[in-house]
Amino acid sequence: MTVSELNAQVRGEIERRFRNVWIEGEIVNFSAASSGHWYFTLHDATSQIRAACYKGTNYRIRFEPFDGLQVRVRGRLTLYEPKGEFQLMVESLEPVGEGARRVAFEQIRAKLGAEGLFDVALKRKLPPFPRRVGVVTSATGAAFFDILNVLTRRARSVSVVLIPTRVQGENAAFEISRAVRLANEYNDGAESAARIDALIVGRGGGSSEDLWAFNEELVARAIRASTIPVISAVGHEIDHTIADLVADLRAATPSAAAEIVAQRETDICSALEKRSDDLLRIMSYRLLEARSRVQRLSMSPVFMETLHQANARLERIASQLSPIRMASKVGDNKTRLGLLSQRADSATRDVVDGKMKDLSIFMAKLDALSPLAVLGRGFAIAENEAGRILRDAGQVETSDLIKVRLAEGSLRAKVTSIEP
């Protein structure tokens, strides 16, 4: 047989017999190619074997291997026919002695720490009185209901906005980061009173595998990029994640995160109570002081003389306010009021009639200039997705969505071609 035929037969036999094997050894000569594939050699005290882990497989491995690391590898044996080289095609890989997640955690922490994502100077303070709190967590998990229970009981002025997401599983990290971005996008277009003032990102307790999504680099970068202050509340008090390090504030549990938000309202209420007590105390002191001053003045001869003069003035005024004189003045005033009312009604009608004539003229002019009248003659108004009126075909590109307003209703259209 030829060399090619021999290598093909050997490869078939090897792959049939060793299609799923576990091998333990130390990594040497590790290389991460620009294509995304990993190449390295596994060896023990006396032997070695070449290994490859392709890009389509290694993206699931949560850390990057390095020389000297003792690992346990699962894969299949094969023969690279062009060179007749025996090698192991790696399908999974984990460190021996220390879990893969711990190695990945340390690598991610070192990388993001070197970029400054954990810098204390970047952390923002919560607003003094958050009115609306966003919660990024599972809609069915206990964490959300714990947060809702605490805020309902202790901070009734705070409204809660749930941004539901999966918190564990293969795509959980992507969904959590997307939820954080959605909250920020909502704030960009919301009125000031409707904006989210703080975000609680987290979940209840679980295994390290369950909590792993909150260690992903994707989630860390989304939290750091958030313009809304973020409270990380993952697991129990003993659990620590990358999200805790990058967030503006860490809470030991989801309930503790809600307590932090509620405490703001409690602090303000306590401060108001203290200020109210201070104000009452000052007012009492001022009243006592004023009463003492009045008593001192009442004993003064000048005060008694002033009091006699005031009584004399009061008697003169009372004589001028006799019932007969008052009734006469009231009758005269009623007559004058009736005449003034008639004149006011007449003047009002004249003004209203004049304004109605002016309004009719202006309405006629407005109808003449109205774009709706133009639409009624068969014309249309085209707008881009941002609501800007299109006046030039160069303002859009093929596949853009546009809105076409007609005299009755409007259309959503997609640009299929552009003619200059």
Protein backbone atom coordinates (compact mmCIF):
# COMPACT_ATOMS: atom_id res chain seq x y z
CA MET A 1 0.00 0.00 0.00
CA THR A 2 0.98 3.62 -0.33
CA VAL A 3 1.93 5.88 2.59
CA SER A 4 -1.35 7.74 2.22
CA GLU A 5 -3.33 4.49 2.32
CA LEU A 6 -1.43 3.34 5.42
CA ASN A 7 -1.97 6.65 7.24
CA ALA A 8 -5.67 6.62 6.35
CA GLN A 9 -6.11 3.10 7.73
CA VAL A 10 -4.16 3.92 10.89
CA ARG A 11 -6.21 7.07 11.41
CA GLY A 12 -9.46 5.14 11.03
CA GLU A 13 -8.36 2.52 13.56
CA ILE A 14 -7.17 5.11 16.07
CA GLU A 15 -10.32 7.23 15.84
CA ARG A 16 -12.54 4.16 16.12
CA ARG A 17 -10.81 2.80 19.19
CA PHE A 18 -9.89 6.07 20.97
CA ARG A 19 -12.78 8.39 20.10
CA ASN A 20 -13.37 9.45 23.71
CA VAL A 21 -10.45 9.45 26.15
CA TRP A 22 -9.46 11.33 29.33
CA ILE A 23 -5.80 12.27 29.67
CA GLU A 24 -4.01 14.04 32.52
CA GLY A 25 -0.74 15.90 32.07
CA GLU A 26 1.14 19.18 32.11
CA ILE A 27 0.82 21.80 29.36
CA VAL A 28 4.03 22.91 27.59
CA ASN A 29 4.60 24.98 24.43
CA PHE A 30 1.12 26.52 24.59
CA SER A 31 0.29 28.70 21.57
CA ALA A 32 -2.88 30.68 20.79
CA ALA A 33 -2.93 31.13 17.00
CA SER A 34 -4.37 34.21 15.28
CA SER A 35 -7.08 31.93 13.88
CA GLY A 36 -8.35 31.40 17.43
CA HIS A 37 -7.13 27.77 17.69
CA TRP A 38 -4.99 26.55 20.60
CA TYR A 39 -1.97 24.25 20.13
CA PHE A 40 0.08 22.72 22.95
CA THR A 41 1.82 19.57 24.14
CA LEU A 42 0.75 17.38 27.07
CA HIS A 43 3.51 15.52 28.86
CA ASP A 44 4.25 13.54 31.99
CA ALA A 45 7.55 12.32 33.37
CA THR A 46 8.38 10.09 30.39
CA SER A 47 6.09 10.79 27.41
CA GLN A 48 4.30 13.52 25.54
CA ILE A 49 1.51 13.97 22.98
CA ARG A 50 0.61 16.92 20.77
CA ALA A 51 -2.86 18.42 21.24
CA ALA A 52 -5.09 20.92 19.45
CA CYS A 53 -8.25 22.71 20.63
CA TYR A 54 -10.06 24.47 17.82
CA LYS A 55 -11.84 27.83 18.07
CA GLY A 56 -15.28 26.25 17.80
CA THR A 57 -14.54 24.30 21.00
CA ASN A 58 -12.29 26.51 23.12
CA TYR A 59 -14.78 29.40 23.34
CA ARG A 60 -16.66 27.25 25.89
CA ILE A 61 -13.56 26.92 28.11
CA ARG A 62 -13.77 29.67 30.73
CA PHE A 63 -10.03 30.36 31.03
CA GLU A 64 -6.92 30.49 28.86
CA PRO A 65 -4.37 27.71 29.51
CA PHE A 66 -0.70 28.45 30.11
CA ASP A 67 2.58 26.54 30.29
CA GLY A 68 3.11 24.52 33.45
CA LEU A 69 -0.60 24.10 34.20
CA GLN A 70 -1.59 20.55 35.20
CA VAL A 71 -4.83 19.70 33.38
CA ARG A 72 -7.31 16.92 32.73
CA VAL A 73 -8.31 16.75 29.05
CA ARG A 74 -11.12 14.93 27.27
CA GLY A 75 -10.86 14.39 23.54
CA ARG A 76 -10.36 11.95 20.69
CA LEU A 77 -7.15 10.61 19.18
CA THR A 78 -6.42 11.06 15.51
CA LEU A 79 -3.59 11.03 12.99
CA TYR A 80 -2.74 14.08 10.90
CA GLU A 81 -2.29 12.20 7.60
CA PRO A 82 -0.18 14.73 5.61
CA LYS A 83 2.58 14.54 8.23
CA GLY A 84 1.79 11.21 9.85
CA GLU A 85 1.64 12.93 13.25
CA PHE A 86 -0.28 11.43 16.13
CA GLN A 87 -2.33 14.07 18.11
CA LEU A 88 -5.19 14.63 20.51
CA MET A 89 -8.21 16.72 19.45
CA VAL A 90 -9.34 18.42 22.69
CA GLU A 91 -13.04 18.79 23.43
CA SER A 92 -12.91 19.86 27.08
CA LEU A 93 -10.17 20.94 29.47
CA GLU A 94 -10.03 21.72 33.18
CA PRO A 95 -7.20 22.31 35.66
CA VAL A 96 -6.32 19.64 38.16
CA GLY A 97 -6.33 20.65 41.83
CA GLU A 98 -7.96 24.08 41.24
CA GLY A 99 -11.25 24.51 39.42
CA ALA A 100 -11.44 26.04 35.96
CA ARG A 101 -13.79 28.73 37.24
CA ARG A 102 -11.29 29.87 39.87
CA VAL A 103 -8.55 30.14 37.25
CA ALA A 104 -10.94 32.01 34.93
CA PHE A 105 -12.03 34.29 37.79
CA GLU A 106 -8.44 35.26 38.57
CA GLN A 107 -7.61 35.82 34.89
CA ILE A 108 -10.67 38.04 34.32
CA ARG A 109 -10.06 39.96 37.53
CA ALA A 110 -6.42 40.57 36.62
CA LYS A 111 -7.34 41.70 33.09
CA LEU A 112 -10.12 44.10 34.11
CA GLY A 113 -8.12 45.33 37.09
CA ALA A 114 -5.22 46.22 34.81
CA GLU A 115 -7.66 48.23 32.65
CA GLY A 116 -8.82 50.17 35.73
CA LEU A 117 -12.44 48.97 35.74
CA PHE A 118 -12.34 48.47 39.52
CA ASP A 119 -10.94 51.95 40.22
CA VAL A 120 -12.71 53.53 43.21
CA ALA A 121 -12.63 56.91 41.45
CA LEU A 122 -15.04 55.52 38.81
CA LYS A 123 -17.66 54.47 41.33
CA ARG A 124 -20.68 56.76 41.58
CA LYS A 125 -22.80 57.49 44.63
CA LEU A 126 -26.47 56.60 44.71
CA PRO A 127 -28.84 59.58 44.34
CA PRO A 128 -29.95 60.98 47.73
CA PHE A 129 -33.59 60.07 47.13
CA PRO A 130 -34.08 57.38 44.42
CA ARG A 131 -37.67 57.41 43.19
CA ARG A 132 -37.46 54.59 40.62
CA VAL A 133 -35.27 51.49 40.94
CA GLY A 134 -34.58 49.03 38.11
CA VAL A 135 -34.04 45.36 38.99
CA VAL A 136 -32.09 43.15 36.56
CA THR A 137 -32.85 39.56 37.59
CA SER A 138 -35.10 36.59 36.86
CA ALA A 139 -38.82 37.35 36.83
CA THR A 140 -39.55 34.07 38.64
CA GLY A 141 -36.65 33.99 41.10
CA ALA A 142 -36.87 34.69 44.82
CA ALA A 143 -34.47 37.65 44.51
CA PHE A 144 -37.01 39.92 42.81
CA PHE A 145 -39.75 39.17 45.31
CA ASP A 146 -37.36 39.73 48.23
CA ILE A 147 -36.44 43.15 46.81
CA LEU A 148 -40.09 44.02 46.12
CA ASN A 149 -41.13 42.96 49.63
CA VAL A 150 -38.49 45.13 51.34
CA LEU A 151 -39.20 48.22 49.20
CA THR A 152 -42.98 47.85 49.55
CA ARG A 153 -42.65 47.62 53.32
CA ARG A 154 -39.97 50.24 53.95
CA ALA A 155 -40.01 52.67 50.99
CA ARG A 156 -43.48 53.10 49.54
CA SER A 157 -42.46 56.16 47.55
CA VAL A 158 -39.99 54.07 45.49
CA SER A 159 -41.34 52.40 42.36
CA VAL A 160 -39.74 49.21 41.01
CA VAL A 161 -39.08 48.43 37.33
CA LEU A 162 -38.27 44.78 36.55
CA ILE A 163 -35.95 44.15 33.58
CA PRO A 164 -36.29 40.34 33.35
CA THR A 165 -33.37 38.15 32.28
CA ARG A 166 -31.98 34.69 32.79
CA VAL A 167 -29.37 34.63 35.54
CA GLN A 168 -27.74 31.28 34.85
CA GLY A 169 -27.02 29.13 31.84
CA GLU A 170 -25.05 29.47 28.63
CA ASN A 171 -26.53 32.79 27.40
CA ALA A 172 -27.24 34.36 30.80
CA ALA A 173 -24.24 36.73 30.67
CA PHE A 174 -25.36 38.11 27.29
CA GLU A 175 -28.93 38.64 28.55
CA ILE A 176 -27.78 40.36 31.78
CA SER A 177 -25.52 42.76 29.89
CA ARG A 178 -28.29 43.46 27.38
CA ALA A 179 -30.74 44.21 30.22
CA VAL A 180 -28.30 46.74 31.72
CA ARG A 181 -27.93 48.43 28.31
CA LEU A 182 -31.73 48.49 27.82
CA ALA A 183 -32.18 50.30 31.14
CA ASN A 184 -29.68 52.95 30.05
CA GLU A 185 -31.28 53.29 26.61
CA TYR A 186 -34.67 53.78 28.28
CA ASN A 187 -33.21 56.55 30.46
CA ASP A 188 -31.76 58.33 27.42
CA GLY A 189 -35.24 58.89 26.00
CA ALA A 190 -37.28 59.23 29.21
CA GLU A 191 -38.50 62.37 30.95
CA SER A 192 -36.55 63.34 34.06
CA ALA A 193 -39.33 62.23 36.43
CA ALA A 194 -39.64 58.82 34.75
CA ARG A 195 -35.94 57.87 34.68
CA ILE A 196 -34.45 54.95 36.60
CA ASP A 197 -32.32 56.34 39.44
CA ALA A 198 -30.51 53.12 40.43
CA LEU A 199 -30.07 49.55 39.15
CA ILE A 200 -29.95 46.40 41.29
CA VAL A 201 -28.24 43.62 39.32
CA GLY A 202 -28.19 40.18 40.91
CA ARG A 203 -29.82 36.92 41.90
CA GLY A 204 -30.26 34.63 44.90
CA GLY A 205 -27.77 32.04 46.14
CA GLY A 206 -26.52 29.00 44.25
CA SER A 207 -23.45 27.04 43.32
CA SER A 208 -20.40 28.70 41.81
CA GLU A 209 -21.56 27.37 38.44
CA ASP A 210 -24.99 28.98 38.93
CA LEU A 211 -23.43 32.34 39.79
CA TRP A 212 -20.84 32.25 37.02
CA ALA A 213 -22.70 34.57 34.61
CA PHE A 214 -21.91 37.46 36.99
CA ASN A 215 -18.18 36.75 36.55
CA GLU A 216 -18.29 37.11 32.78
CA GLU A 217 -16.33 39.96 31.20
CA LEU A 218 -19.40 40.92 29.13
CA VAL A 219 -21.43 41.67 32.27
CA ALA A 220 -18.58 43.55 33.94
CA ARG A 221 -18.13 45.89 30.98
CA ALA A 222 -21.89 46.55 30.72
CA ILE A 223 -22.05 47.50 34.41
CA ARG A 224 -19.03 49.78 34.14
CA ALA A 225 -20.46 51.47 31.01
CA SER A 226 -23.83 52.11 32.71
CA THR A 227 -24.68 55.74 33.37
CA ILE A 228 -27.13 54.55 36.05
CA PRO A 229 -25.48 53.71 39.41
CA VAL A 230 -25.41 49.93 39.87
CA ILE A 231 -25.78 47.90 43.07
CA SER A 232 -24.48 44.33 42.69
CA ALA A 233 -26.44 41.79 44.76
CA VAL A 234 -25.35 38.26 43.83
CA GLY A 235 -25.89 35.19 46.00
CA HIS A 236 -25.17 35.23 49.71
CA GLU A 237 -22.78 37.26 51.82
CA ILE A 238 -19.89 34.81 51.31
CA ASP A 239 -20.22 34.90 47.51
CA HIS A 240 -17.99 37.34 45.60
CA THR A 241 -18.15 37.97 41.85
CA ILE A 242 -16.54 40.19 39.24
CA ALA A 243 -19.84 42.12 39.15
CA ASP A 244 -19.32 43.00 42.83
CA LEU A 245 -15.89 44.46 42.05
CA VAL A 246 -16.98 46.59 39.11
CA ALA A 247 -20.36 47.79 40.47
CA ASP A 248 -20.74 51.16 42.19
CA LEU A 249 -21.91 49.43 45.36
CA ARG A 250 -22.01 45.82 46.57
CA ALA A 251 -24.81 44.35 48.66
CA ALA A 252 -24.42 41.01 50.42
CA THR A 253 -27.85 39.79 49.22
CA PRO A 254 -30.73 41.09 47.06
CA SER A 255 -32.67 41.95 50.23
CA ALA A 256 -29.66 43.93 51.50
CA ALA A 257 -29.62 45.87 48.20
CA ALA A 258 -33.27 46.81 48.74
CA GLU A 259 -32.43 47.85 52.33
CA ILE A 260 -29.74 50.19 50.97
CA VAL A 261 -32.28 51.89 48.70
CA ALA A 262 -34.93 52.02 51.45
CA GLN A 263 -32.42 53.46 53.91
CA ARG A 264 -32.23 56.61 51.78
CA GLU A 265 -35.89 57.32 52.43
CA THR A 266 -35.51 56.44 56.12
CA ASP A 267 -32.57 58.82 56.44
CA ILE A 268 -34.53 61.65 54.81
CA CYS A 269 -37.57 61.04 57.04
CA SER A 270 -35.34 60.98 60.13
CA ALA A 271 -33.65 64.20 59.03
CA LEU A 272 -37.06 65.86 58.47
CA GLU A 273 -38.23 64.74 61.90
CA LYS A 274 -35.12 66.16 63.53
CA ARG A 275 -35.50 69.45 61.66
CA SER A 276 -39.18 69.63 62.68
CA ASP A 277 -38.25 69.10 66.34
CA ASP A 278 -35.56 71.77 66.06
CA LEU A 279 -38.03 74.17 64.47
CA LEU A 280 -40.64 73.61 67.19
CA ARG A 281 -38.02 74.13 69.87
CA ILE A 282 -36.85 77.40 68.27
CA MET A 283 -40.43 78.62 67.85
CA SER A 284 -41.21 77.91 71.51
CA TYR A 285 -38.12 79.80 72.59
CA ARG A 286 -39.00 82.77 70.35
CA LEU A 287 -42.59 82.85 71.67
CA LEU A 288 -41.40 82.87 75.26
CA GLU A 289 -38.94 85.63 74.43
CA ALA A 290 -41.65 87.70 72.68
CA ARG A 291 -44.11 87.19 75.56
CA SER A 292 -41.52 88.38 78.04
CA ARG A 293 -40.82 91.46 75.95
CA VAL A 294 -44.56 92.27 75.68
CA GLN A 295 -44.93 91.98 79.44
CA ARG A 296 -42.04 94.39 79.96
CA LEU A 297 -43.53 96.88 77.50
CA SER A 298 -46.99 96.67 79.06
CA MET A 299 -45.60 98.05 82.29
CA SER A 300 -44.12 101.07 80.50
CA PRO A 301 -45.92 104.51 80.75
CA VAL A 302 -45.35 105.02 77.03
CA PHE A 303 -47.24 101.82 76.31
CA MET A 304 -50.24 102.91 78.41
CA GLU A 305 -50.41 106.29 76.64
CA THR A 306 -50.25 104.57 73.23
CA LEU A 307 -53.03 102.20 74.34
CA HIS A 308 -55.34 105.12 75.31
CA GLN A 309 -54.74 106.78 71.92
CA ALA A 310 -55.55 103.54 70.09
CA ASN A 311 -58.82 103.16 72.04
CA ALA A 312 -59.83 106.70 71.09
CA ARG A 313 -59.18 106.00 67.40
CA LEU A 314 -61.21 102.79 67.64
CA GLU A 315 -64.21 104.65 69.04
CA ARG A 316 -64.10 107.23 66.19
CA ILE A 317 -63.96 104.50 63.57
CA ALA A 318 -66.83 102.59 65.21
CA SER A 319 -69.05 105.71 65.07
CA GLN A 320 -68.36 106.03 61.34
CA LEU A 321 -69.46 102.42 60.77
CA SER A 322 -73.08 102.84 62.00
CA PRO A 323 -75.65 100.51 60.32
CA ILE A 324 -77.62 103.37 58.66
CA ARG A 325 -74.55 104.95 57.06
CA MET A 326 -73.25 101.54 55.95
CA ALA A 327 -76.64 100.59 54.38
CA SER A 328 -76.69 103.85 52.39
CA LYS A 329 -73.17 103.28 51.07
CA VAL A 330 -73.96 99.66 50.17
CA GLY A 331 -77.03 100.78 48.14
CA ASP A 332 -75.00 103.34 46.20
CA ASN A 333 -72.28 100.80 45.50
CA LYS A 334 -74.82 98.24 44.26
CA THR A 335 -76.20 100.76 41.74
CA ARG A 336 -72.69 101.59 40.50
CA LEU A 337 -71.84 97.91 40.30
CA GLY A 338 -74.90 97.19 38.15
CA LEU A 339 -73.98 99.92 35.67
CA LEU A 340 -70.37 98.74 35.51
CA SER A 341 -71.52 95.15 34.97
CA GLN A 342 -73.72 96.17 32.00
CA ARG A 343 -70.86 98.14 30.45
CA ALA A 344 -68.45 95.21 30.96
CA ASP A 345 -70.88 92.76 29.29
CA SER A 346 -71.30 95.05 26.30
CA ALA A 347 -67.54 95.59 25.97
CA THR A 348 -66.88 91.87 26.29
CA ARG A 349 -69.34 91.02 23.51
CA ASP A 350 -67.74 93.61 21.23
CA VAL A 351 -64.25 92.25 21.90
CA VAL A 352 -65.34 88.60 21.42
CA ASP A 353 -67.15 89.41 18.15
CA GLY A 354 -64.04 91.19 16.85
CA LYS A 355 -61.75 88.33 17.86
CA MET A 356 -64.09 85.75 16.25
CA LYS A 357 -63.90 87.66 12.96
CA ASP A 358 -60.08 87.77 13.21
CA LEU A 359 -60.04 84.05 14.04
CA SER A 360 -62.15 83.20 10.98
CA ILE A 361 -59.72 85.11 8.77
CA PHE A 362 -56.68 83.41 10.34
CA MET A 363 -58.30 79.96 10.04
CA ALA A 364 -58.96 80.54 6.36
CA LYS A 365 -55.31 81.53 5.87
CA LEU A 366 -54.14 78.54 7.89
CA ASP A 367 -56.26 76.13 5.83
CA ALA A 368 -54.78 77.62 2.68
CA LEU A 369 -51.24 77.10 3.95
CA SER A 370 -51.83 73.76 5.75
CA PRO A 371 -49.76 70.82 4.50
CA LEU A 372 -52.85 68.65 5.16
CA ALA A 373 -54.61 70.42 2.30
CA VAL A 374 -51.66 69.53 0.10
CA LEU A 375 -51.90 65.91 1.25
CA GLY A 376 -55.56 65.91 0.29
CA ARG A 377 -54.54 66.61 -3.31
CA GLY A 378 -52.55 63.39 -3.47
CA PHE A 379 -49.16 64.49 -2.15
CA ALA A 380 -47.36 62.72 0.74
CA ILE A 381 -44.74 63.51 3.42
CA ALA A 382 -41.82 61.09 3.85
CA GLU A 383 -39.85 60.88 7.12
CA ASN A 384 -36.84 58.80 8.19
CA GLU A 385 -36.79 56.66 11.34
CA ALA A 386 -35.70 59.65 13.42
CA GLY A 387 -38.79 61.62 12.31
CA ARG A 388 -36.89 64.05 10.05
CA ILE A 389 -38.63 65.05 6.79
CA LEU A 390 -36.91 63.68 3.68
CA ARG A 391 -36.26 66.26 0.95
CA ASP A 392 -33.43 64.49 -0.89
CA ALA A 393 -33.06 60.86 -1.98
CA GLY A 394 -29.48 61.04 -0.73
CA GLN A 395 -30.77 61.23 2.86
CA VAL A 396 -31.58 57.48 2.91
CA GLU A 397 -29.88 54.26 1.93
CA THR A 398 -31.20 51.03 0.51
CA SER A 399 -33.02 48.90 3.14
CA ASP A 400 -33.70 51.95 5.35
CA LEU A 401 -37.19 52.11 6.89
CA ILE A 402 -39.22 55.27 6.20
CA LYS A 403 -42.66 56.59 7.20
CA VAL A 404 -44.97 57.99 4.50
CA ARG A 405 -47.80 60.21 5.74
CA LEU A 406 -50.91 60.49 3.52
CA ALA A 407 -54.04 62.58 3.84
CA GLU A 408 -55.68 59.63 5.62
CA GLY A 409 -53.27 57.45 7.66
CA SER A 410 -49.62 56.65 7.09
CA LEU A 411 -47.42 53.84 5.70
CA ARG A 412 -44.24 52.14 6.92
CA ALA A 413 -42.03 51.44 3.89
CA LYS A 414 -38.62 49.97 3.14
CA VAL A 415 -36.32 51.58 0.56
CA THR A 416 -35.56 49.04 -2.20
CA SER A 417 -33.81 51.38 -4.61
CA ILE A 418 -32.71 55.01 -4.90
CA GLU A 419 -32.97 57.17 -8.04
CA PRO A 420 -31.02 60.48 -7.97
